[in-house]
Protein backbone atom coordinates (compact mmCIF):
# COMPACT_ATOMS: atom_id res chain seq x y z
CA MET A 1 -102.17 3.31 -21.37
CA PRO A 2 -101.43 5.00 -24.74
CA LEU A 3 -97.86 5.31 -25.88
CA ASP A 4 -96.11 8.50 -26.99
CA ASN A 5 -95.47 7.07 -30.45
CA GLU A 6 -99.24 7.27 -31.06
CA LYS A 7 -98.73 11.07 -31.22
CA PRO A 8 -101.90 12.17 -29.38
CA GLU A 9 -100.76 15.78 -29.60
CA GLU A 10 -101.83 15.74 -33.25
CA SER A 11 -105.45 15.59 -32.08
CA GLY A 12 -105.02 18.61 -29.84
CA GLY A 13 -104.62 17.25 -26.33
CA VAL A 14 -101.69 17.13 -23.94
CA TRP A 15 -100.38 14.43 -21.64
CA ILE A 16 -101.34 15.07 -18.01
CA PHE A 17 -99.73 13.06 -15.23
CA VAL A 18 -102.33 12.29 -12.55
CA SER A 19 -100.83 11.74 -9.09
CA HIS A 20 -103.18 9.73 -6.87
CA SER A 21 -103.60 6.88 -4.41
CA ASN A 22 -104.54 3.52 -5.89
CA ARG A 23 -107.27 3.33 -3.25
CA ASP A 24 -109.12 6.24 -4.90
CA ILE A 25 -109.82 4.42 -8.16
CA VAL A 26 -113.56 5.15 -8.10
CA SER A 27 -113.09 8.91 -7.61
CA ILE A 28 -110.25 8.97 -10.13
CA ARG A 29 -112.55 7.72 -12.89
CA ALA A 30 -114.47 11.02 -12.89
CA VAL A 31 -111.17 12.95 -13.06
CA ARG A 32 -109.93 10.81 -15.94
CA ASN A 33 -113.22 11.13 -17.81
CA GLU A 34 -113.21 14.93 -17.54
CA LEU A 35 -109.63 15.21 -18.78
CA GLU A 36 -110.48 13.01 -21.73
CA ALA A 37 -113.64 15.04 -22.43
CA LEU A 38 -111.40 18.11 -22.67
CA GLY A 39 -109.28 16.29 -25.25
CA HIS A 40 -106.33 15.50 -22.98
CA PHE A 41 -104.50 12.25 -22.26
CA PRO A 42 -104.35 11.41 -18.54
CA LEU A 43 -101.47 9.26 -17.35
CA LEU A 44 -102.48 7.08 -14.39
CA PHE A 45 -100.39 4.41 -12.74
CA PHE A 46 -102.01 1.64 -10.67
CA LEU A 47 -98.98 -0.29 -9.45
CA ARG A 48 -99.27 -3.03 -6.84
CA CYS A 49 -95.51 -3.01 -6.39
CA LEU A 50 -95.59 0.36 -4.62
CA ASP A 51 -96.34 0.47 -0.92
CA ASP A 52 -95.88 2.97 1.90
CA GLU A 53 -92.33 1.85 2.59
CA GLU A 54 -91.07 2.19 -0.96
CA GLU A 55 -89.49 5.19 -2.64
CA ILE A 56 -90.82 6.42 -5.96
CA SER A 57 -89.70 3.89 -8.53
CA ASP A 58 -87.15 4.94 -11.13
CA LEU A 59 -89.79 4.40 -13.82
CA ILE A 60 -92.22 6.82 -12.17
CA LYS A 61 -89.46 9.39 -11.63
CA ARG A 62 -88.47 9.26 -15.29
CA GLU A 63 -92.10 9.59 -16.33
CA ILE A 64 -92.56 12.63 -14.09
CA GLU A 65 -89.43 14.24 -15.52
CA ALA A 66 -90.78 13.72 -19.05
CA ARG A 67 -94.06 15.57 -18.33
CA GLU A 68 -94.98 19.24 -18.00
CA PHE A 69 -98.56 19.17 -16.65
CA PHE A 70 -99.75 17.46 -13.48
CA LEU A 71 -103.00 16.97 -11.60
CA LEU A 72 -102.44 16.19 -7.93
CA CYS A 73 -105.39 14.30 -6.41
CA ASP A 74 -105.72 15.00 -2.71
CA SER A 75 -107.59 12.62 -0.38
CA PRO A 76 -107.15 10.90 2.99
CA HIS A 77 -105.72 7.91 1.12
CA ALA A 78 -103.23 10.11 -0.76
CA ARG A 79 -102.18 11.92 2.43
CA ALA A 80 -101.67 8.60 4.21
CA ALA A 81 -99.52 7.12 1.44
CA SER A 82 -95.91 8.18 1.95
CA TRP A 83 -95.00 7.23 -1.63
CA VAL A 84 -97.77 9.50 -2.98
CA GLN A 85 -96.45 12.35 -0.82
CA ARG A 86 -92.91 11.76 -2.10
CA GLU A 87 -94.27 11.74 -5.64
CA ILE A 88 -96.01 15.08 -5.07
CA ALA A 89 -92.91 16.59 -3.47
CA TYR A 90 -90.81 15.49 -6.44
CA ILE A 91 -93.30 16.99 -8.92
CA LYS A 92 -93.30 20.31 -7.07
CA SER A 93 -89.48 20.36 -6.95
CA LEU A 94 -89.32 20.37 -10.76
CA ASN A 95 -91.22 23.68 -11.15
CA ARG A 96 -93.78 22.25 -13.56
CA VAL A 97 -97.41 23.24 -14.07
CA PHE A 98 -99.79 21.58 -11.63
CA GLU A 99 -103.22 21.93 -10.05
CA THR A 100 -104.56 20.14 -6.99
CA VAL A 101 -108.00 18.54 -6.96
CA ASP A 102 -109.68 17.64 -3.65
CA LEU A 103 -111.42 14.30 -4.20
CA GLU A 104 -113.63 14.97 -1.18
CA ALA A 105 -114.85 18.30 -2.55
CA PRO A 106 -118.07 18.64 -4.58
CA LEU A 107 -117.72 17.56 -8.20
CA THR A 108 -118.13 21.17 -9.39
CA ASP A 109 -115.04 22.19 -7.41
CA GLN A 110 -113.11 19.24 -8.80
CA LEU A 111 -114.08 20.23 -12.34
CA ARG A 112 -112.91 23.80 -11.76
CA ALA A 113 -109.45 22.56 -10.79
CA ILE A 114 -109.31 20.29 -13.84
CA HIS A 115 -110.37 23.13 -16.15
CA ARG A 116 -107.78 25.47 -14.62
CA LEU A 117 -105.05 22.99 -15.55
CA SER A 118 -106.45 22.60 -19.07
CA ARG A 119 -106.43 26.39 -19.54
CA ARG A 120 -102.78 26.56 -18.56
CA ALA A 121 -101.89 24.05 -21.29
CA THR A 122 -103.66 25.69 -24.28
CA LEU A 123 -102.26 28.43 -26.54
CA PHE A 124 -103.41 30.55 -29.50
CA LEU A 125 -100.47 32.07 -31.41
CA SER A 126 -101.20 35.34 -33.21
CA TYR A 127 -98.43 36.39 -35.60
CA HIS A 128 -97.85 37.69 -39.11
CA THR A 129 -97.12 35.01 -41.68
CA GLY A 130 -94.07 37.01 -42.71
CA ASP A 131 -92.65 36.40 -39.24
CA VAL A 132 -92.86 32.62 -39.41
CA ALA A 133 -89.06 32.28 -39.35
CA LEU A 134 -89.03 34.12 -36.00
CA VAL A 135 -92.05 32.43 -34.47
CA ASP A 136 -91.75 28.85 -35.72
CA PRO A 137 -88.66 27.91 -33.65
CA ILE A 138 -90.48 29.13 -30.52
CA GLN A 139 -93.68 27.34 -31.54
CA GLN A 140 -91.78 24.09 -32.03
CA ARG A 141 -90.28 24.37 -28.56
CA LEU A 142 -93.69 25.11 -27.03
CA ALA A 143 -95.02 21.98 -28.70
CA ARG A 144 -92.08 19.96 -27.34
CA ALA A 145 -92.93 21.37 -23.91
CA GLN A 146 -96.31 19.66 -24.43
CA TYR A 147 -98.50 22.76 -24.83
CA ARG A 148 -101.66 22.37 -26.89
CA ILE A 149 -101.34 24.90 -29.74
CA TRP A 150 -104.44 25.94 -31.68
CA ARG A 151 -104.12 25.81 -35.46
CA TYR A 152 -106.36 27.33 -38.14
CA GLU A 153 -106.40 23.93 -39.82
CA ASP A 154 -108.33 22.50 -36.88
CA GLU A 155 -111.20 24.98 -37.29
CA MET A 156 -111.12 24.85 -41.10
CA GLU A 157 -112.31 21.24 -40.85
CA THR A 158 -115.73 22.58 -39.81
CA THR A 159 -115.91 25.84 -41.79
CA SER A 160 -114.47 27.27 -45.00
CA ASP A 161 -114.68 30.82 -43.64
CA LEU A 162 -111.26 31.91 -42.31
CA GLY A 163 -112.83 34.71 -40.26
CA VAL A 164 -115.20 32.28 -38.56
CA ALA A 165 -112.31 29.88 -37.92
CA MET A 166 -110.31 32.71 -36.34
CA GLU A 167 -113.21 33.74 -34.10
CA HIS A 168 -113.91 30.19 -32.98
CA GLY A 169 -110.25 29.52 -32.27
CA ILE A 170 -109.68 32.71 -30.27
CA GLN A 171 -112.87 32.20 -28.27
CA ALA A 172 -111.89 28.61 -27.47
CA CYS A 173 -108.36 29.54 -26.43
CA LEU A 174 -109.42 32.45 -24.24
CA GLN A 175 -111.97 30.22 -22.55
CA ASN A 176 -109.46 27.41 -22.23
CA GLY A 177 -106.02 29.02 -22.33
CA PHE A 178 -103.85 31.93 -23.46
CA PHE A 179 -103.74 34.28 -26.48
CA LEU A 180 -100.09 34.95 -27.41
CA LEU A 181 -99.61 38.09 -29.53
CA PHE A 182 -96.19 38.25 -31.23
CA ILE A 183 -95.53 41.96 -31.82
CA THR A 184 -93.23 42.85 -34.73
CA PRO A 185 -93.20 45.69 -37.30
CA ARG A 186 -95.13 43.41 -39.69
CA SER A 187 -97.79 42.48 -37.15
CA ASN A 188 -98.35 46.12 -36.22
CA ASP A 189 -99.02 46.91 -39.89
CA SER A 190 -101.42 44.00 -40.34
CA PRO A 191 -105.21 44.63 -40.21
CA TRP A 192 -105.70 40.88 -39.72
CA ILE A 193 -103.49 40.72 -36.62
CA ARG A 194 -105.19 43.82 -35.27
CA ALA A 195 -108.56 42.13 -35.81
CA GLU A 196 -107.31 39.11 -33.84
CA TRP A 197 -106.17 41.00 -30.75
CA GLU A 198 -109.17 43.36 -30.84
CA LEU A 199 -111.44 40.30 -30.88
CA ALA A 200 -109.46 38.84 -27.98
CA LEU A 201 -110.00 42.05 -26.00
CA ARG A 202 -113.73 42.00 -26.71
CA ILE A 203 -113.97 38.39 -25.55
CA VAL A 204 -112.37 39.26 -22.20
CA GLU A 205 -114.81 42.20 -21.98
CA GLY A 206 -112.23 44.89 -22.66
CA HIS A 207 -110.01 43.92 -19.72
CA ALA A 208 -106.65 42.67 -21.01
CA ASP A 209 -105.99 40.22 -18.21
CA HIS A 210 -103.29 37.55 -18.02
CA ARG A 211 -104.98 35.45 -20.73
CA ILE A 212 -103.60 37.88 -23.35
CA VAL A 213 -99.79 37.84 -23.51
CA PRO A 214 -98.05 40.50 -25.69
CA ILE A 215 -94.61 39.32 -26.85
CA LEU A 216 -91.90 41.58 -28.27
CA LEU A 217 -90.00 39.89 -31.07
CA GLY A 218 -87.53 40.98 -33.72
CA ASN A 219 -86.82 44.62 -34.57
CA VAL A 220 -89.59 46.24 -32.54
CA GLN A 221 -89.73 48.76 -29.69
CA ALA A 222 -91.62 48.55 -26.42
CA ASP A 223 -93.54 51.65 -27.50
CA ASP A 224 -94.92 49.60 -30.41
CA ILE A 225 -97.20 47.63 -28.11
CA PRO A 226 -100.80 48.59 -29.06
CA SER A 227 -102.09 51.25 -26.67
CA ALA A 228 -105.00 49.05 -25.59
CA LEU A 229 -102.47 46.46 -24.36
CA LYS A 230 -99.80 48.68 -22.81
CA GLN A 231 -100.96 47.91 -19.26
CA VAL A 232 -100.68 44.16 -19.83
CA PRO A 233 -97.40 42.56 -18.66
CA HIS A 234 -95.43 41.71 -21.80
CA VAL A 235 -92.61 39.27 -22.53
CA ASP A 236 -89.47 40.59 -24.21
CA LEU A 237 -87.80 37.98 -26.44
CA ARG A 238 -85.96 40.37 -28.76
CA ALA A 239 -82.36 39.74 -27.72
CA LEU A 240 -82.66 36.04 -26.94
CA SER A 241 -81.75 32.88 -28.80
CA ASP A 242 -84.55 30.53 -29.80
CA ASP A 243 -83.93 28.29 -26.78
CA GLU A 244 -83.69 31.22 -24.39
CA ALA A 245 -86.83 32.80 -25.88
CA ALA A 246 -88.86 29.63 -25.51
CA GLN A 247 -87.71 29.05 -21.93
CA THR A 248 -88.43 32.67 -20.99
CA LEU A 249 -91.92 32.41 -22.42
CA ILE A 250 -92.56 29.05 -20.73
CA ARG A 251 -91.46 30.46 -17.36
CA HIS A 252 -93.88 33.36 -17.85
CA LEU A 253 -96.75 31.02 -18.71
CA ARG A 254 -96.00 28.76 -15.74
CA ALA A 255 -96.22 31.74 -13.40
CA LEU A 256 -99.67 32.80 -14.61
């Protein structure tokens, strides 16, 4: 199992705790392989010391508390294991992001559940460079909350065209996550930011669904939300501290 000090987040993935029965090891391999193919880092524990009479170990509890994203693997073995059921109940009690995959379902259904979880962990941040002092503290907290945040630098490794990098990044994030638009007076005056959110709208076929998240920040009014996005639920962070803003945004993302 990789260790946190190897900093896997630098390569774009997030840690995903996989709750499962040890008796499902063959089925779990396909789950693990798909998570890794998506660039994530599955955490799986195969511990002989756990049995049906034992509570969740302190180690497992601490590991659960340290994670934000969970894949719950359902099967007859998992339902029969009381320690797996206690593990699942504990995960759900923490109000973290999770998806359930039925190991008896067709592989296509399992993959859909895995991809849903991946989408909920991936973010594209659209903001004016002049607003970096406002956005960066929130971005840092999102990263600490283990979200995968798209960066222009990642796309620039394969192209020298900034416009192409932007298009690739927005397409990838809308297919695999959320587009966060930080609305400020500077961003509203920026043709580049407008090009980003207009591209995002085109990618979702003109329907600004939950994958596009307008965010009010700084000295801006609710009326300043672009008309094409006014019907989309927005997040108001204007009067909040950095910690409060990040937690408010994370709660919104968890509910989507």
